[in-house]
């Protein structure tokens, strides 16, 4: 449960759930975008085409993770997502593509293991 709270805070959803202020939400979104750009720049240095591609892929992955998180998740699914978020945390933000990939793989295995025989 603690990891889920950390994960919610990491992507700014805690502010959305608590709804204390729209400004806080916007600030978190701006920070997430700054982190994504910084990570892509660190990875691709002076290859601006790849930086742009990296940013677009990370933003899409983040949107997918937020969409997953906003669904009706069981406690097991919440823990899977939180674990993947922790596993793929970076110095600034997270690797959202790998977080999404990790969750999808974990979720698929979870469903196979829990399928009716």
C-alpha atoms as a PDB file:
ATOM      1  CA  UNK A   1       0.000   0.000   0.000  1.00  0.00           C
ATOM      2  CA  UNK A   2       2.871   2.373   0.798  1.00  0.00           C
ATOM      3  CA  UNK A   3       4.337   1.891  -2.682  1.00  0.00           C
ATOM      4  CA  UNK A   4       0.936   2.728  -4.204  1.00  0.00           C
ATOM      5  CA  UNK A   5       0.897   6.045  -2.310  1.00  0.00           C
ATOM      6  CA  UNK A   6       4.452   6.746  -3.468  1.00  0.00           C
ATOM      7  CA  UNK A   7       3.413   5.912  -7.007  1.00  0.00           C
ATOM      8  CA  UNK A   8       0.363   8.195  -6.814  1.00  0.00           C
ATOM      9  CA  UNK A   9       2.550  11.020  -5.591  1.00  0.00           C
ATOM     10  CA  UNK A  10       5.133  10.306  -8.269  1.00  0.00           C
ATOM     11  CA  UNK A  11       2.701  10.972 -11.078  1.00  0.00           C
ATOM     12  CA  UNK A  12       0.723  13.677  -9.354  1.00  0.00           C
ATOM     13  CA  UNK A  13      -2.458  11.701  -8.926  1.00  0.00           C
ATOM     14  CA  UNK A  14      -2.520  12.290  -5.185  1.00  0.00           C
ATOM     15  CA  UNK A  15      -3.231  15.939  -5.898  1.00  0.00           C
ATOM     16  CA  UNK A  16      -5.994  14.986  -8.317  1.00  0.00           C
ATOM     17  CA  UNK A  17      -7.632  12.615  -5.834  1.00  0.00           C
ATOM     18  CA  UNK A  18      -7.414  15.088  -2.980  1.00  0.00           C
ATOM     19  CA  UNK A  19      -8.277  18.040  -5.286  1.00  0.00           C
ATOM     20  CA  UNK A  20      -6.579  20.676  -3.114  1.00  0.00           C
ATOM     21  CA  UNK A  21      -5.776  22.968  -6.029  1.00  0.00           C
ATOM     22  CA  UNK A  22      -5.657  22.882  -9.792  1.00  0.00           C
ATOM     23  CA  UNK A  23      -2.417  24.869  -9.639  1.00  0.00           C
ATOM     24  CA  UNK A  24      -0.686  22.033  -7.774  1.00  0.00           C
ATOM     25  CA  UNK A  25      -1.811  19.585 -10.441  1.00  0.00           C
ATOM     26  CA  UNK A  26      -0.539  21.808 -13.238  1.00  0.00           C
ATOM     27  CA  UNK A  27       2.774  22.283 -11.435  1.00  0.00           C
ATOM     28  CA  UNK A  28       3.176  18.503 -11.115  1.00  0.00           C
ATOM     29  CA  UNK A  29       2.402  18.044 -14.823  1.00  0.00           C
ATOM     30  CA  UNK A  30       4.965  20.706 -15.733  1.00  0.00           C
ATOM     31  CA  UNK A  31       7.534  19.011 -13.478  1.00  0.00           C
ATOM     32  CA  UNK A  32       6.815  15.625 -15.068  1.00  0.00           C
ATOM     33  CA  UNK A  33       7.344  17.122 -18.536  1.00  0.00           C
ATOM     34  CA  UNK A  34      10.582  18.753 -17.373  1.00  0.00           C
ATOM     35  CA  UNK A  35      11.767  15.401 -16.010  1.00  0.00           C
ATOM     36  CA  UNK A  36      10.892  13.592 -19.246  1.00  0.00           C
ATOM     37  CA  UNK A  37      12.744  16.168 -21.354  1.00  0.00           C
ATOM     38  CA  UNK A  38      15.747  16.060 -19.031  1.00  0.00           C
ATOM     39  CA  UNK A  39      15.927  12.251 -19.130  1.00  0.00           C
ATOM     40  CA  UNK A  40      15.651  12.207 -22.924  1.00  0.00           C
ATOM     41  CA  UNK A  41      18.309  14.894 -23.268  1.00  0.00           C
ATOM     42  CA  UNK A  42      20.625  12.945 -20.960  1.00  0.00           C
ATOM     43  CA  UNK A  43      20.072   9.810 -23.009  1.00  0.00           C
ATOM     44  CA  UNK A  44      20.386  11.349 -26.493  1.00  0.00           C
ATOM     45  CA  UNK A  45      22.672  14.373 -25.849  1.00  0.00           C
ATOM     46  CA  UNK A  46      22.872  16.273 -29.167  1.00  0.00           C
ATOM     47  CA  UNK A  47      20.610  13.975 -31.246  1.00  0.00           C
ATOM     48  CA  UNK A  48      17.569  16.238 -31.241  1.00  0.00           C
ATOM     49  CA  UNK A  49      15.480  13.994 -33.434  1.00  0.00           C
ATOM     50  CA  UNK A  50      15.881  11.167 -30.933  1.00  0.00           C
ATOM     51  CA  UNK A  51      15.233  13.521 -28.018  1.00  0.00           C
ATOM     52  CA  UNK A  52      11.951  14.514 -29.653  1.00  0.00           C
ATOM     53  CA  UNK A  53      11.039  10.890 -30.325  1.00  0.00           C
ATOM     54  CA  UNK A  54      11.953   9.940 -26.750  1.00  0.00           C
ATOM     55  CA  UNK A  55       9.783  12.735 -25.298  1.00  0.00           C
ATOM     56  CA  UNK A  56       6.794  11.754 -27.442  1.00  0.00           C
ATOM     57  CA  UNK A  57       7.106   8.080 -26.475  1.00  0.00           C
ATOM     58  CA  UNK A  58       7.514   8.878 -22.768  1.00  0.00           C
ATOM     59  CA  UNK A  59       4.507  11.210 -22.741  1.00  0.00           C
ATOM     60  CA  UNK A  60       2.346   8.586 -24.467  1.00  0.00           C
ATOM     61  CA  UNK A  61       3.503   5.952 -21.990  1.00  0.00           C
ATOM     62  CA  UNK A  62       2.794   8.275 -19.047  1.00  0.00           C
ATOM     63  CA  UNK A  63      -0.703   8.917 -20.397  1.00  0.00           C
ATOM     64  CA  UNK A  64      -1.222   5.155 -20.696  1.00  0.00           C
ATOM     65  CA  UNK A  65      -0.033   4.589 -17.120  1.00  0.00           C
ATOM     66  CA  UNK A  66      -2.374   7.307 -15.836  1.00  0.00           C
ATOM     67  CA  UNK A  67      -5.231   5.701 -17.804  1.00  0.00           C
ATOM     68  CA  UNK A  68      -4.436   2.301 -16.276  1.00  0.00           C
ATOM     69  CA  UNK A  69      -4.221   3.830 -12.824  1.00  0.00           C
ATOM     70  CA  UNK A  70      -7.579   5.566 -13.223  1.00  0.00           C
ATOM     71  CA  UNK A  71      -9.229   2.218 -13.978  1.00  0.00           C
ATOM     72  CA  UNK A  72     -10.737  -0.058 -11.384  1.00  0.00           C
ATOM     73  CA  UNK A  73      -7.654  -1.891 -10.162  1.00  0.00           C
ATOM     74  CA  UNK A  74      -7.572  -4.663  -7.618  1.00  0.00           C
ATOM     75  CA  UNK A  75      -5.100  -4.381  -4.770  1.00  0.00           C
ATOM     76  CA  UNK A  76      -2.816  -6.826  -6.611  1.00  0.00           C
ATOM     77  CA  UNK A  77      -2.934  -4.666  -9.757  1.00  0.00           C
ATOM     78  CA  UNK A  78      -2.185  -1.534  -7.736  1.00  0.00           C
ATOM     79  CA  UNK A  79       0.825  -3.237  -6.212  1.00  0.00           C
ATOM     80  CA  UNK A  80       2.024  -4.401  -9.642  1.00  0.00           C
ATOM     81  CA  UNK A  81       1.861  -0.859 -10.968  1.00  0.00           C
ATOM     82  CA  UNK A  82       3.559   0.566  -7.883  1.00  0.00           C
ATOM     83  CA  UNK A  83       6.325  -2.035  -8.045  1.00  0.00           C
ATOM     84  CA  UNK A  84       6.945  -1.298 -11.719  1.00  0.00           C
ATOM     85  CA  UNK A  85       7.041   2.427 -10.988  1.00  0.00           C
ATOM     86  CA  UNK A  86       9.629   1.927  -8.253  1.00  0.00           C
ATOM     87  CA  UNK A  87      11.641  -0.455 -10.428  1.00  0.00           C
ATOM     88  CA  UNK A  88      11.858   2.055 -13.301  1.00  0.00           C
ATOM     89  CA  UNK A  89      12.322   5.248 -11.282  1.00  0.00           C
ATOM     90  CA  UNK A  90      15.079   7.510 -12.567  1.00  0.00           C
ATOM     91  CA  UNK A  91      17.019  10.349 -11.003  1.00  0.00           C
ATOM     92  CA  UNK A  92      14.376  12.677 -12.429  1.00  0.00           C
ATOM     93  CA  UNK A  93      10.939  11.095 -12.697  1.00  0.00           C
ATOM     94  CA  UNK A  94      10.533   7.643 -14.206  1.00  0.00           C
ATOM     95  CA  UNK A  95      11.015   5.710 -17.399  1.00  0.00           C
ATOM     96  CA  UNK A  96       7.326   5.592 -18.287  1.00  0.00           C
ATOM     97  CA  UNK A  97       7.769   3.314 -21.285  1.00  0.00           C
ATOM     98  CA  UNK A  98       9.425   0.687 -19.112  1.00  0.00           C
ATOM     99  CA  UNK A  99       6.916   1.227 -16.302  1.00  0.00           C
ATOM    100  CA  UNK A 100       4.080   0.580 -18.764  1.00  0.00           C
ATOM    101  CA  UNK A 101       5.881  -2.426 -20.283  1.00  0.00           C
ATOM    102  CA  UNK A 102       6.606  -3.879 -16.850  1.00  0.00           C
ATOM    103  CA  UNK A 103       2.987  -3.510 -15.756  1.00  0.00           C
ATOM    104  CA  UNK A 104       1.610  -5.051 -18.943  1.00  0.00           C
ATOM    105  CA  UNK A 105       3.919  -8.056 -18.638  1.00  0.00           C
ATOM    106  CA  UNK A 106       3.147  -8.503 -14.943  1.00  0.00           C
ATOM    107  CA  UNK A 107      -0.579  -8.119 -15.546  1.00  0.00           C
ATOM    108  CA  UNK A 108      -0.583 -10.648 -18.387  1.00  0.00           C
ATOM    109  CA  UNK A 109       1.220 -13.188 -16.189  1.00  0.00           C
ATOM    110  CA  UNK A 110      -1.181 -12.448 -13.319  1.00  0.00           C
ATOM    111  CA  UNK A 111      -4.165 -13.092 -15.579  1.00  0.00           C
ATOM    112  CA  UNK A 112      -2.661 -16.364 -16.867  1.00  0.00           C
ATOM    113  CA  UNK A 113      -2.047 -17.553 -13.334  1.00  0.00           C
ATOM    114  CA  UNK A 114      -5.572 -16.651 -12.253  1.00  0.00           C
ATOM    115  CA  UNK A 115      -7.393 -17.946 -15.334  1.00  0.00           C
ATOM    116  CA  UNK A 116     -10.055 -20.580 -14.853  1.00  0.00           C
ATOM    117  CA  UNK A 117      -8.846 -24.031 -15.843  1.00  0.00           C
END
